[in-house]
Amino acid sequence: MSAESARSVEILAAALDAAGDLAYAWELDRDAIEWSGRLGRTGPGFAAGMTTGGLFAENIHPDDQAHRKSVLATHLDGHRDFDCQYRLRDAAGEFAWVHERGRALRDPSGRPHQMFGVIRTVGERKAQQSRVEQLANYDELTGHFNRSRLREAVDRVISADRRAPGHAMFLAVGIDNMSAINTTFGAAAADTVLVEIGRRLDSCVRISDHVGRLGGDRFGVLLAHCPVEHVARAADKVLSAVRAAPIATSNGSVFVTVSIGGASASGEHLTSYDVITRAESALAEAKSAGRDCFTHFRTSEEQRDRQSRSAAVGDAVQTALRDDRMRFAFQPIVSAETGEVAYHECLLRLRDAGDGLVPTGDFVRDVEQLGYIRLIDRHILDKVIAEAAAYPEVTLGFNVSALTAADRPWLRALTAQLRAHPALAGRLIVEITETAALYDIEESARFVDALRRAGCRVALDDFGAGHTTLQHLQSLPVDTVKIDRSFIRNIAASPESQIFLRHLLGLAKGFGFSTVAEGVETAEEAEILRGEGVGFLQGHYFGRATTEPPWRRQSAA
């Protein structure tokens, strides 16, 4: 080393020491780390024993390990800078918040082989800001990607695969008999099981892979650069790791197994929704096959025919959006006590080439599978806002899909439009189905909270169809529940339906929710529902959906 180079190294080391920063050079292939400087007020020997990435990771707070690993994996995968805050054990054995920034060097093929970075301590206020950001992107219990971030990771892999095929795979991992574990050992033990399963998944994957929590008892594992012939071996590794030893909980040891469904994230014209849905479909097959096994998603001849029909529907929907052939049909919701119209629900219809109207149910499933539902939901939002702005006397309810419940751009669009029309928020009722809400209860709760803070009301549609529990209702601060029409149909002749209706009404009233009964067809049904205390009624008995609502006719007159 020349005298000039030696002097530069000396100056750099002195600057790091003075700033209280710890710099590192990490040889990824050998997993060997060299350190320079010191961390905060710790002595120069603080990092002496942390000679590998594994040894260093052992000093990160257990709740933050998965978060740092996810951020690092994203960087090594070629996306985003490595910039992360977490708690690190200092020389005194106490945990302190630190900020780490780094960058990987890549060989000519693009493979990362070396990494340089700096770690410094941060103040509590900045650490709390980081914590808020972390909660928005990571599962609070396990520290892994939440469903939204995991879906983003899948979309990135799909996009990269189109440029340079990399044979990525996605695994949906479901804990077997989780409800029995929760009932037998308690909620705290069930949480311990979730955290430990997440840790065991981390131990099975490479640094370039991603582990996230899909919700409830399900995890997702994104395997980058995994040919399809290797996925069974990767799944077996996970199955063995989970079976290897019981999980110690506060209420005793629990023997746990998982079932796994796998799907390719490469080829075809896929979205993250398609990939995750396919993997979860395969997971359901694995559970049906006896659990504790792996099933790979395979497309049958019938499924290929269905995909072909779906593609045709998708083309028709895109054309209708472009030609402005999407229309609303408005159905009244009336007060059970007075019979007066309280508001109208906006039901989307597609005007076909023959000028007929196609109901949403005939095309929405295909649209969801093709990944176009966000376009539909944004179109619905724009049309609802325009209608409400044009007619200040009306209140409108409208449905959004499960995907939109995790779609921050949709929320930003709503907020921006309400800024332009601030008086509208109180006249909008956003409906999310119970089944969609229960799919990822934490994400749904955030969505509901954001809508209510914007001034909108929120309704839980198809109430009763998803078997909501008290805990779910506590997590979802909605204003209204709409009782699923399956419990209203033939209610006059079904004592069982009447008993179940009373149970649903008791749950709703206990939380202070207003209630709407859907699908009311007869005067007898309406009278029974009034007697049971339902607040609002909707169905053909009170008015069919029409594309020419009364306020437009009055305006034209």
Protein backbone atom coordinates (compact mmCIF):
# COMPACT_ATOMS: atom_id res chain seq x y z
CA MET A 1 0.00 0.00 0.00
CA SER A 2 1.34 3.41 -0.94
CA ALA A 3 1.87 6.10 1.69
CA GLU A 4 -1.00 8.08 0.20
CA SER A 5 -3.36 5.09 0.39
CA ALA A 6 -2.32 4.33 3.94
CA ARG A 7 -2.96 7.94 4.90
CA SER A 8 -6.45 7.78 3.35
CA VAL A 9 -7.26 4.63 5.32
CA GLU A 10 -5.95 6.31 8.52
CA ILE A 11 -8.13 9.39 7.92
CA LEU A 12 -11.21 7.25 7.20
CA ALA A 13 -10.69 5.16 10.36
CA ALA A 14 -10.28 8.32 12.47
CA ALA A 15 -13.43 9.85 10.98
CA LEU A 16 -15.46 6.70 11.69
CA ASP A 17 -14.16 6.59 15.25
CA ALA A 18 -14.99 10.25 15.83
CA ALA A 19 -18.49 9.89 14.40
CA GLY A 20 -19.25 6.74 16.35
CA ASP A 21 -19.94 4.84 13.12
CA LEU A 22 -19.12 1.20 12.45
CA ALA A 23 -18.16 0.30 8.87
CA TYR A 24 -17.93 -3.18 7.41
CA ALA A 25 -16.79 -5.10 4.36
CA TRP A 26 -18.74 -8.33 3.94
CA GLU A 27 -17.55 -11.12 1.62
CA LEU A 28 -20.88 -12.75 0.81
CA ASP A 29 -19.49 -15.95 -0.72
CA ARG A 30 -17.37 -16.74 2.35
CA ASP A 31 -19.74 -14.99 4.79
CA ALA A 32 -16.76 -13.16 6.30
CA ILE A 33 -17.00 -9.64 7.75
CA GLU A 34 -14.25 -7.14 8.54
CA TRP A 35 -15.05 -4.11 10.72
CA SER A 36 -13.66 -0.62 11.17
CA GLY A 37 -14.60 2.13 13.63
CA ARG A 38 -16.82 1.82 16.68
CA LEU A 39 -20.53 1.99 17.40
CA GLY A 40 -21.67 4.96 19.47
CA ARG A 41 -19.89 4.95 22.84
CA THR A 42 -18.81 1.30 22.65
CA GLY A 43 -15.15 0.42 22.55
CA PRO A 44 -13.21 -0.51 19.42
CA GLY A 45 -13.46 -4.23 20.23
CA PHE A 46 -17.28 -4.26 20.11
CA ALA A 47 -17.53 -6.07 16.75
CA ALA A 48 -14.50 -8.31 17.20
CA GLY A 49 -16.50 -11.52 17.67
CA MET A 50 -18.96 -10.86 14.84
CA THR A 51 -16.80 -12.26 12.04
CA THR A 52 -19.67 -13.64 9.93
CA GLY A 53 -23.09 -12.45 8.87
CA GLY A 54 -24.66 -15.23 10.92
CA LEU A 55 -22.83 -14.22 14.11
CA PHE A 56 -23.77 -10.59 13.56
CA ALA A 57 -27.46 -11.49 13.04
CA GLU A 58 -27.50 -13.25 16.42
CA ASN A 59 -27.03 -9.84 18.06
CA ILE A 60 -30.08 -8.31 16.37
CA HIS A 61 -33.25 -8.19 18.45
CA PRO A 62 -35.34 -11.32 17.67
CA ASP A 63 -38.36 -9.19 16.73
CA ASP A 64 -36.30 -7.31 14.12
CA GLN A 65 -34.31 -10.14 12.52
CA ALA A 66 -36.92 -11.05 9.90
CA HIS A 67 -37.41 -7.37 9.00
CA ARG A 68 -33.68 -6.79 8.36
CA LYS A 69 -33.41 -10.03 6.41
CA SER A 70 -36.34 -9.05 4.18
CA VAL A 71 -34.86 -5.61 3.43
CA LEU A 72 -31.45 -7.15 2.74
CA ALA A 73 -32.95 -9.82 0.46
CA THR A 74 -34.79 -7.14 -1.52
CA HIS A 75 -31.53 -5.23 -2.02
CA LEU A 76 -29.52 -8.30 -3.02
CA ASP A 77 -32.30 -9.20 -5.43
CA GLY A 78 -31.52 -5.94 -7.26
CA HIS A 79 -34.33 -3.75 -5.93
CA ARG A 80 -34.07 -0.68 -3.67
CA ASP A 81 -31.18 0.53 -1.55
CA PHE A 82 -30.30 -1.29 1.63
CA ASP A 83 -31.50 1.10 4.33
CA CYS A 84 -32.79 -0.37 7.56
CA GLN A 85 -33.32 0.42 11.24
CA TYR A 86 -33.47 -2.20 13.98
CA ARG A 87 -32.32 -2.96 17.52
CA LEU A 88 -28.79 -4.29 18.04
CA ARG A 89 -27.24 -5.65 21.23
CA ASP A 90 -24.46 -3.29 22.35
CA ALA A 91 -21.29 -4.03 24.32
CA ALA A 92 -23.23 -3.87 27.63
CA GLY A 93 -25.72 -6.46 26.40
CA GLU A 94 -28.52 -3.88 26.02
CA PHE A 95 -30.45 -3.34 22.79
CA ALA A 96 -30.11 0.04 21.07
CA TRP A 97 -31.70 1.33 17.87
CA VAL A 98 -29.26 1.51 14.95
CA HIS A 99 -29.45 2.63 11.34
CA GLU A 100 -27.66 0.50 8.73
CA ARG A 101 -27.01 1.50 5.14
CA GLY A 102 -25.09 -0.49 2.59
CA ARG A 103 -24.60 -1.47 -1.01
CA ALA A 104 -23.71 -4.75 -2.69
CA LEU A 105 -21.05 -5.09 -5.38
CA ARG A 106 -21.94 -7.43 -8.23
CA ASP A 107 -19.89 -9.53 -10.61
CA PRO A 108 -20.30 -9.19 -14.41
CA SER A 109 -23.28 -11.58 -14.33
CA GLY A 110 -25.06 -9.37 -11.79
CA ARG A 111 -24.59 -11.71 -8.83
CA PRO A 112 -23.81 -9.90 -5.53
CA HIS A 113 -20.48 -11.05 -4.09
CA GLN A 114 -19.43 -8.32 -1.67
CA MET A 115 -21.15 -5.68 0.43
CA PHE A 116 -20.01 -2.50 2.14
CA GLY A 117 -21.98 -0.60 4.73
CA VAL A 118 -22.10 1.63 7.80
CA ILE A 119 -24.01 1.22 11.08
CA ARG A 120 -24.71 4.08 13.48
CA THR A 121 -26.89 4.56 16.55
CA VAL A 122 -30.07 6.64 16.18
CA GLY A 123 -32.25 8.59 18.58
CA GLU A 124 -35.50 7.22 19.99
CA ARG A 125 -37.66 9.63 17.99
CA LYS A 126 -36.19 8.55 14.69
CA ALA A 127 -36.44 4.93 15.78
CA GLN A 128 -40.16 5.38 16.45
CA GLN A 129 -40.66 6.85 12.98
CA SER A 130 -38.98 3.77 11.58
CA ARG A 131 -41.23 1.60 13.71
CA VAL A 132 -44.35 3.22 12.23
CA GLU A 133 -43.06 2.59 8.71
CA GLN A 134 -42.20 -0.99 9.62
CA LEU A 135 -45.74 -1.66 10.89
CA ALA A 136 -47.15 -0.49 7.55
CA ASN A 137 -45.02 -3.00 5.63
CA TYR A 138 -44.31 -5.88 7.98
CA ASP A 139 -46.39 -8.25 10.04
CA GLU A 140 -46.34 -6.99 13.62
CA LEU A 141 -46.27 -10.44 15.22
CA THR A 142 -43.60 -12.22 13.15
CA GLY A 143 -41.64 -9.31 11.62
CA HIS A 144 -41.98 -10.74 8.10
CA PHE A 145 -43.42 -9.01 5.03
CA ASN A 146 -47.16 -8.48 5.32
CA ARG A 147 -49.43 -9.64 2.49
CA SER A 148 -49.20 -6.34 0.64
CA ARG A 149 -45.38 -6.23 0.65
CA LEU A 150 -45.17 -9.92 -0.25
CA ARG A 151 -47.42 -9.28 -3.23
CA GLU A 152 -45.14 -6.41 -4.29
CA ALA A 153 -42.15 -8.77 -4.12
CA VAL A 154 -43.96 -11.29 -6.34
CA ASP A 155 -44.84 -8.54 -8.84
CA ARG A 156 -41.18 -7.47 -8.98
CA VAL A 157 -40.06 -11.04 -9.65
CA ILE A 158 -42.71 -11.44 -12.37
CA SER A 159 -41.57 -8.19 -14.00
CA ALA A 160 -37.89 -9.22 -13.84
CA ASP A 161 -38.74 -12.68 -15.19
CA ARG A 162 -40.27 -11.15 -18.32
CA ARG A 163 -36.94 -9.46 -19.04
CA ALA A 164 -34.73 -12.43 -18.10
CA PRO A 165 -36.44 -15.72 -17.13
CA GLY A 166 -35.41 -16.78 -13.62
CA HIS A 167 -37.81 -19.65 -12.78
CA ALA A 168 -39.24 -18.22 -9.55
CA MET A 169 -41.65 -20.26 -7.42
CA PHE A 170 -44.12 -19.32 -4.70
CA LEU A 171 -45.09 -21.52 -1.75
CA ALA A 172 -48.21 -21.01 0.37
CA VAL A 173 -47.48 -22.60 3.76
CA GLY A 174 -50.44 -23.28 6.06
CA ILE A 175 -50.16 -24.46 9.67
CA ASP A 176 -52.23 -27.61 10.14
CA ASN A 177 -55.01 -27.61 12.75
CA MET A 178 -54.27 -24.07 13.92
CA SER A 179 -57.77 -23.65 15.34
CA ALA A 180 -57.25 -26.73 17.52
CA ILE A 181 -53.92 -25.34 18.76
CA ASN A 182 -55.61 -22.05 19.62
CA THR A 183 -58.47 -23.81 21.44
CA THR A 184 -56.29 -26.33 23.34
CA PHE A 185 -53.25 -24.24 24.23
CA GLY A 186 -54.59 -20.67 24.08
CA ALA A 187 -54.02 -17.57 21.94
CA ALA A 188 -50.59 -16.78 23.43
CA ALA A 189 -49.33 -20.27 22.57
CA ALA A 190 -50.77 -19.96 19.06
CA ASP A 191 -48.82 -16.71 18.61
CA THR A 192 -45.65 -18.49 19.77
CA VAL A 193 -46.28 -21.18 17.15
CA LEU A 194 -46.68 -18.55 14.41
CA VAL A 195 -43.44 -16.81 15.37
CA GLU A 196 -41.50 -20.08 15.53
CA ILE A 197 -42.86 -21.33 12.20
CA GLY A 198 -41.73 -18.03 10.66
CA ARG A 199 -38.28 -18.53 12.17
CA ARG A 200 -38.05 -22.08 10.81
CA LEU A 201 -39.07 -20.88 7.37
CA ASP A 202 -36.27 -18.29 7.55
CA SER A 203 -33.81 -21.09 8.29
CA CYS A 204 -34.89 -22.97 5.15
CA VAL A 205 -34.48 -20.22 2.57
CA ARG A 206 -31.63 -18.38 0.90
CA ILE A 207 -30.82 -14.75 1.50
CA SER A 208 -32.34 -13.83 -1.91
CA ASP A 209 -35.70 -15.45 -1.05
CA HIS A 210 -38.61 -13.78 0.74
CA VAL A 211 -40.81 -14.97 3.59
CA GLY A 212 -44.06 -13.16 4.41
CA ARG A 213 -47.26 -13.71 6.30
CA LEU A 214 -50.30 -14.06 4.06
CA GLY A 215 -52.65 -13.75 7.02
CA GLY A 216 -54.08 -15.96 9.75
CA ASP A 217 -52.26 -19.31 9.80
CA ARG A 218 -50.64 -18.91 6.37
CA PHE A 219 -47.17 -17.83 5.27
CA GLY A 220 -45.84 -17.20 1.78
CA VAL A 221 -42.35 -18.07 0.58
CA LEU A 222 -41.03 -16.56 -2.66
CA LEU A 223 -38.17 -18.65 -4.04
CA ALA A 224 -36.10 -16.68 -6.54
CA HIS A 225 -34.23 -18.67 -9.22
CA CYS A 226 -35.84 -22.01 -8.36
CA PRO A 227 -36.49 -24.31 -11.35
CA VAL A 228 -39.77 -26.20 -11.08
CA GLU A 229 -37.94 -29.52 -10.71
CA HIS A 230 -36.32 -28.23 -7.49
CA VAL A 231 -39.45 -26.92 -5.77
CA ALA A 232 -40.47 -30.29 -4.28
CA ARG A 233 -37.05 -30.54 -2.64
CA ALA A 234 -37.44 -27.03 -1.20
CA ALA A 235 -40.91 -27.91 0.12
CA ASP A 236 -39.59 -31.12 1.71
CA LYS A 237 -36.95 -29.07 3.48
CA VAL A 238 -39.67 -26.88 5.00
CA LEU A 239 -41.82 -29.88 5.99
CA SER A 240 -38.84 -31.52 7.70
CA ALA A 241 -37.80 -28.34 9.51
CA VAL A 242 -41.28 -27.93 10.97
CA ARG A 243 -41.55 -31.58 12.01
CA ALA A 244 -38.04 -31.67 13.46
CA ALA A 245 -38.95 -30.69 17.02
CA PRO A 246 -41.99 -29.63 19.04
CA ILE A 247 -42.51 -25.93 19.70
CA ALA A 248 -42.16 -24.87 23.33
CA THR A 249 -44.96 -22.57 24.49
CA SER A 250 -46.03 -21.18 27.86
CA ASN A 251 -48.68 -23.91 28.05
CA GLY A 252 -46.51 -26.85 27.00
CA SER A 253 -44.87 -28.29 23.90
CA VAL A 254 -46.86 -28.36 20.68
CA PHE A 255 -46.18 -30.75 17.81
CA VAL A 256 -46.89 -28.89 14.58
CA THR A 257 -47.02 -29.77 10.89
CA VAL A 258 -47.68 -27.63 7.84
CA SER A 259 -49.19 -28.19 4.42
CA ILE A 260 -47.70 -26.51 1.35
CA GLY A 261 -49.05 -25.48 -2.04
CA GLY A 262 -46.69 -24.34 -4.78
CA ALA A 263 -47.14 -22.32 -7.97
CA SER A 264 -44.80 -20.93 -10.60
CA ALA A 265 -44.21 -17.19 -10.68
CA SER A 266 -42.69 -17.42 -14.15
CA GLY A 267 -44.16 -17.58 -17.64
CA GLU A 268 -47.68 -16.83 -18.91
CA HIS A 269 -49.25 -13.42 -18.25
CA LEU A 270 -49.45 -13.66 -14.48
CA THR A 271 -50.04 -11.16 -11.71
CA SER A 272 -49.09 -11.58 -8.06
CA TYR A 273 -52.78 -12.20 -7.38
CA ASP A 274 -52.76 -15.13 -9.83
CA VAL A 275 -49.61 -16.64 -8.35
CA ILE A 276 -50.72 -16.41 -4.73
CA THR A 277 -54.24 -17.63 -5.56
CA ARG A 278 -52.83 -20.65 -7.38
CA ALA A 279 -50.49 -21.50 -4.52
CA GLU A 280 -53.33 -21.21 -2.00
CA SER A 281 -55.51 -23.40 -4.21
CA ALA A 282 -52.75 -26.02 -4.19
CA LEU A 283 -52.45 -25.57 -0.40
CA ALA A 284 -56.15 -26.43 -0.05
CA GLU A 285 -55.52 -29.60 -2.07
CA ALA A 286 -52.59 -30.52 0.19
CA LYS A 287 -54.80 -30.15 3.27
CA SER A 288 -57.51 -32.26 1.62
CA ALA A 289 -54.91 -34.92 0.82
CA GLY A 290 -54.21 -35.46 4.52
CA ARG A 291 -52.01 -32.47 5.50
CA ASP A 292 -48.26 -32.45 6.20
CA CYS A 293 -47.52 -32.68 2.47
CA PHE A 294 -46.79 -30.62 -0.65
CA THR A 295 -49.00 -30.18 -3.72
CA HIS A 296 -48.01 -28.36 -6.89
CA PHE A 297 -50.58 -26.32 -8.81
CA ARG A 298 -51.25 -27.81 -12.22
CA THR A 299 -53.58 -26.48 -14.89
CA SER A 300 -56.15 -29.01 -16.10
CA GLU A 301 -57.86 -28.98 -19.51
CA GLU A 302 -60.99 -27.61 -17.87
CA GLN A 303 -58.96 -24.84 -16.20
CA ARG A 304 -57.34 -23.95 -19.53
CA ASP A 305 -60.79 -23.63 -21.11
CA ARG A 306 -61.86 -21.46 -18.20
CA GLN A 307 -58.76 -19.30 -18.62
CA SER A 308 -59.58 -18.86 -22.30
CA ARG A 309 -63.11 -17.74 -21.44
CA SER A 310 -61.74 -15.45 -18.72
CA ALA A 311 -59.36 -13.84 -21.21
CA ALA A 312 -62.31 -13.13 -23.54
CA VAL A 313 -64.25 -11.56 -20.65
CA GLY A 314 -61.17 -9.52 -19.73
CA ASP A 315 -60.92 -8.16 -23.27
CA ALA A 316 -64.61 -7.26 -23.24
CA VAL A 317 -64.28 -5.45 -19.90
CA GLN A 318 -61.24 -3.46 -21.02
CA THR A 319 -63.06 -2.45 -24.20
CA ALA A 320 -66.11 -1.40 -22.16
CA LEU A 321 -63.93 0.73 -19.89
CA ARG A 322 -62.28 2.37 -22.88
CA ASP A 323 -65.65 3.02 -24.59
CA ASP A 324 -67.34 4.17 -21.35
CA ARG A 325 -69.92 1.37 -21.46
CA MET A 326 -69.86 0.72 -17.70
CA ARG A 327 -73.07 1.90 -16.02
CA PHE A 328 -74.53 2.02 -12.53
CA ALA A 329 -77.85 0.53 -11.59
CA PHE A 330 -79.07 2.13 -8.34
CA GLN A 331 -81.06 0.12 -5.79
CA PRO A 332 -82.76 1.82 -2.82
CA ILE A 333 -82.12 0.93 0.82
CA VAL A 334 -85.07 2.01 2.97
CA SER A 335 -85.64 2.65 6.66
CA ALA A 336 -87.43 -0.35 8.19
CA GLU A 337 -89.35 1.99 10.49
CA THR A 338 -90.56 4.62 8.02
CA GLY A 339 -90.15 3.00 4.61
CA GLU A 340 -88.36 6.11 3.34
CA VAL A 341 -85.27 5.75 1.14
CA ALA A 342 -82.07 6.26 3.18
CA TYR A 343 -79.55 5.80 0.39
CA HIS A 344 -78.90 3.86 -2.83
CA GLU A 345 -76.37 1.15 -3.60
CA CYS A 346 -74.47 1.55 -6.88
CA LEU A 347 -74.42 -1.80 -8.72
CA LEU A 348 -72.07 -1.93 -11.70
CA ARG A 349 -73.40 -3.10 -15.05
CA LEU A 350 -71.63 -3.63 -18.39
CA ARG A 351 -73.50 -2.53 -21.49
CA ASP A 352 -72.76 -5.15 -24.14
CA ALA A 353 -72.61 -4.74 -27.93
CA GLY A 354 -76.34 -5.48 -28.20
CA ASP A 355 -77.15 -2.66 -25.73
CA GLY A 356 -78.06 -5.17 -23.01
CA LEU A 357 -76.84 -4.89 -19.41
CA VAL A 358 -74.55 -7.59 -17.97
CA PRO A 359 -74.62 -7.90 -14.13
CA THR A 360 -71.34 -7.62 -12.22
CA GLY A 361 -71.57 -11.22 -11.03
CA ASP A 362 -71.20 -12.45 -14.62
CA PHE A 363 -67.75 -10.98 -15.08
CA VAL A 364 -66.21 -9.86 -11.77
CA ARG A 365 -64.62 -13.24 -10.91
CA ASP A 366 -62.82 -13.37 -14.26
CA VAL A 367 -61.76 -9.74 -13.86
CA GLU A 368 -60.30 -10.50 -10.41
CA GLN A 369 -58.34 -13.50 -11.70
CA LEU A 370 -56.95 -11.48 -14.61
CA GLY A 371 -55.79 -8.72 -12.27
CA TYR A 372 -58.05 -6.00 -13.73
CA ILE A 373 -60.17 -5.46 -10.63
CA ARG A 374 -58.17 -2.40 -9.55
CA LEU A 375 -59.08 -0.74 -12.85
CA ILE A 376 -62.75 -1.52 -12.18
CA ASP A 377 -62.62 -0.25 -8.59
CA ARG A 378 -60.92 2.98 -9.65
CA HIS A 379 -63.55 3.44 -12.39
CA ILE A 380 -66.30 2.87 -9.80
CA LEU A 381 -64.74 5.43 -7.46
CA ASP A 382 -64.57 8.08 -10.18
CA LYS A 383 -68.20 7.49 -11.23
CA VAL A 384 -69.52 7.51 -7.65
CA ILE A 385 -67.73 10.78 -6.88
CA ALA A 386 -69.07 12.34 -10.09
CA GLU A 387 -72.64 11.21 -9.33
CA ALA A 388 -72.55 12.41 -5.72
CA ALA A 389 -71.04 15.76 -6.75
CA ALA A 390 -73.72 16.30 -9.41
CA TYR A 391 -76.62 15.48 -7.05
CA PRO A 392 -75.97 16.84 -3.51
CA GLU A 393 -79.17 15.31 -2.13
CA VAL A 394 -78.14 11.65 -2.64
CA THR A 395 -76.15 9.25 -0.46
CA LEU A 396 -74.47 6.36 -2.29
CA GLY A 397 -73.05 3.01 -1.25
CA PHE A 398 -70.62 1.04 -3.42
CA ASN A 399 -68.54 -2.13 -3.22
CA VAL A 400 -64.76 -2.48 -3.41
CA SER A 401 -62.85 -5.71 -3.92
CA ALA A 402 -60.54 -7.51 -1.51
CA LEU A 403 -57.50 -6.33 -3.49
CA THR A 404 -58.51 -2.69 -3.16
CA ALA A 405 -58.59 -3.10 0.64
CA ALA A 406 -54.78 -3.28 0.44
CA ASP A 407 -54.37 -0.79 -2.42
CA ARG A 408 -52.85 2.46 -1.15
CA PRO A 409 -53.10 4.23 -4.56
CA TRP A 410 -56.90 3.77 -4.42
CA LEU A 411 -57.01 5.35 -0.96
CA ARG A 412 -54.83 8.23 -2.17
CA ALA A 413 -57.20 8.75 -5.11
CA LEU A 414 -60.20 8.81 -2.74
CA THR A 415 -58.48 11.29 -0.43
CA ALA A 416 -57.50 13.56 -3.33
CA GLN A 417 -61.05 13.61 -4.70
CA LEU A 418 -62.53 14.33 -1.28
CA ARG A 419 -60.18 17.30 -0.93
CA ALA A 420 -61.77 18.70 -4.08
CA HIS A 421 -65.28 17.85 -2.79
CA PRO A 422 -65.02 17.93 1.03
CA ALA A 423 -68.79 17.72 1.61
CA LEU A 424 -69.04 14.37 -0.18
CA ALA A 425 -67.40 12.10 2.40
CA GLY A 426 -70.45 11.93 4.67
CA ARG A 427 -72.60 10.81 1.73
CA LEU A 428 -70.40 7.87 0.74
CA ILE A 429 -70.74 4.34 2.16
CA VAL A 430 -67.95 1.97 1.16
CA GLU A 431 -68.85 -1.72 1.28
CA ILE A 432 -66.32 -4.53 1.76
CA THR A 433 -67.47 -8.15 1.86
CA GLU A 434 -67.12 -10.09 5.08
CA THR A 435 -65.22 -12.91 3.33
CA ALA A 436 -62.70 -10.44 1.93
CA ALA A 437 -62.34 -8.68 5.30
CA LEU A 438 -61.62 -11.94 7.14
CA TYR A 439 -59.02 -13.02 4.56
CA ASP A 440 -56.51 -10.56 6.01
CA ILE A 441 -58.14 -9.03 9.07
CA GLU A 442 -55.22 -6.72 9.94
CA GLU A 443 -55.03 -5.19 6.46
CA SER A 444 -58.81 -4.82 6.36
CA ALA A 445 -58.84 -3.08 9.75
CA ARG A 446 -56.28 -0.52 8.49
CA PHE A 447 -58.38 0.04 5.36
CA VAL A 448 -61.59 0.57 7.36
CA ASP A 449 -59.82 2.96 9.73
CA ALA A 450 -58.43 5.01 6.82
CA LEU A 451 -61.89 5.28 5.21
CA ARG A 452 -63.51 6.44 8.44
CA ARG A 453 -60.76 8.99 9.08
CA ALA A 454 -61.49 10.34 5.58
CA GLY A 455 -65.10 10.88 6.70
CA CYS A 456 -66.75 7.97 4.84
CA ARG A 457 -68.99 5.36 6.39
CA VAL A 458 -68.10 1.67 6.00
CA ALA A 459 -70.42 -1.32 5.63
CA LEU A 460 -69.53 -4.99 6.06
CA ASP A 461 -71.35 -6.75 3.22
CA ASP A 462 -72.64 -10.38 3.26
CA PHE A 463 -72.53 -10.40 7.08
CA GLY A 464 -72.83 -13.96 8.38
CA ALA A 465 -71.38 -15.63 5.29
CA GLY A 466 -67.85 -15.62 6.69
CA HIS A 467 -68.65 -16.65 10.29
CA THR A 468 -67.42 -13.47 11.94
CA THR A 469 -66.35 -13.79 15.57
CA LEU A 470 -66.44 -11.25 18.38
CA GLN A 471 -62.70 -10.75 17.98
CA HIS A 472 -63.15 -9.94 14.28
CA LEU A 473 -65.87 -7.38 14.99
CA GLN A 474 -63.66 -5.72 17.60
CA SER A 475 -60.94 -5.36 14.94
CA LEU A 476 -63.24 -3.94 12.24
CA PRO A 477 -64.71 -0.58 13.31
CA VAL A 478 -67.41 -0.51 10.60
CA ASP A 479 -70.62 1.54 10.80
CA THR A 480 -73.05 -0.93 9.25
CA VAL A 481 -73.39 -4.67 8.67
CA LYS A 482 -75.45 -5.98 5.74
CA ILE A 483 -76.98 -9.36 6.58
CA ASP A 484 -76.37 -11.85 3.78
CA ARG A 485 -79.42 -12.60 1.65
CA SER A 486 -79.02 -16.35 2.27
CA PHE A 487 -80.37 -15.78 5.80
CA ILE A 488 -83.33 -13.72 4.55
CA ARG A 489 -84.47 -16.11 1.81
CA ASN A 490 -87.54 -18.10 3.03
CA ILE A 491 -87.14 -16.66 6.53
CA ALA A 492 -90.90 -16.82 7.05
CA ALA A 493 -90.85 -20.63 6.71
CA SER A 494 -87.50 -21.27 8.44
CA PRO A 495 -87.29 -21.05 12.25
CA GLU A 496 -83.58 -21.89 11.99
CA SER A 497 -82.97 -18.81 9.82
CA GLN A 498 -84.87 -16.67 12.31
CA ILE A 499 -82.72 -17.96 15.19
CA PHE A 500 -79.52 -17.29 13.25
CA LEU A 501 -80.79 -13.83 12.30
CA ARG A 502 -81.31 -12.99 15.98
CA HIS A 503 -77.74 -14.13 16.70
CA LEU A 504 -76.35 -11.86 13.96
CA LEU A 505 -78.48 -8.94 15.12
CA GLY A 506 -77.30 -9.47 18.70
CA LEU A 507 -73.67 -9.31 17.57
CA ALA A 508 -74.29 -6.18 15.51
CA LYS A 509 -76.27 -4.35 18.19
CA GLY A 510 -73.70 -5.26 20.84
CA PHE A 511 -71.10 -3.30 18.87
CA GLY A 512 -73.44 -0.44 17.98
CA PHE A 513 -73.60 -1.24 14.25
CA SER A 514 -76.63 -0.35 12.17
CA THR A 515 -78.07 -3.26 10.18
CA VAL A 516 -79.31 -3.77 6.61
CA ALA A 517 -81.16 -6.91 5.47
CA GLU A 518 -80.44 -7.76 1.82
CA GLY A 519 -82.68 -9.64 -0.59
CA VAL A 520 -86.08 -8.75 0.88
CA GLU A 521 -88.65 -10.05 -1.64
CA THR A 522 -92.02 -10.08 0.15
CA ALA A 523 -94.14 -8.06 2.58
CA GLU A 524 -94.06 -11.00 5.01
CA GLU A 525 -90.25 -11.03 5.07
CA ALA A 526 -90.17 -7.27 5.57
CA GLU A 527 -92.59 -7.50 8.52
CA ILE A 528 -90.54 -10.24 10.22
CA LEU A 529 -87.35 -8.25 9.80
CA ARG A 530 -88.96 -5.10 11.24
CA GLY A 531 -90.13 -7.12 14.21
CA GLU A 532 -86.63 -8.49 14.81
CA GLY A 533 -85.23 -4.94 14.88
CA VAL A 534 -83.40 -4.70 11.55
CA GLY A 535 -82.72 -1.02 10.82
CA PHE A 536 -82.76 -0.92 7.01
CA LEU A 537 -84.15 -3.13 4.23
CA GLN A 538 -83.01 -3.75 0.64
CA GLY A 539 -84.51 -5.95 -2.05
CA HIS A 540 -86.95 -6.17 -4.96
CA TYR A 541 -89.92 -5.62 -2.64
CA PHE A 542 -88.72 -2.03 -2.11
CA GLY A 543 -87.36 -1.40 -5.59
CA ARG A 544 -85.30 -3.01 -8.30
CA ALA A 545 -81.96 -1.57 -9.42
CA THR A 546 -82.44 0.98 -12.20
CA THR A 547 -80.08 2.96 -14.38
CA GLU A 548 -82.47 5.94 -14.21
CA PRO A 549 -82.76 6.83 -10.52
CA PRO A 550 -85.41 9.30 -9.30
CA TRP A 551 -83.04 12.22 -8.76
CA ARG A 552 -82.05 12.21 -12.43
CA ARG A 553 -85.69 12.13 -13.57
CA GLN A 554 -86.50 15.01 -11.21
CA SER A 555 -83.52 17.00 -12.49
CA ALA A 556 -84.57 16.41 -16.12
CA ALA A 557 -88.14 17.53 -15.32
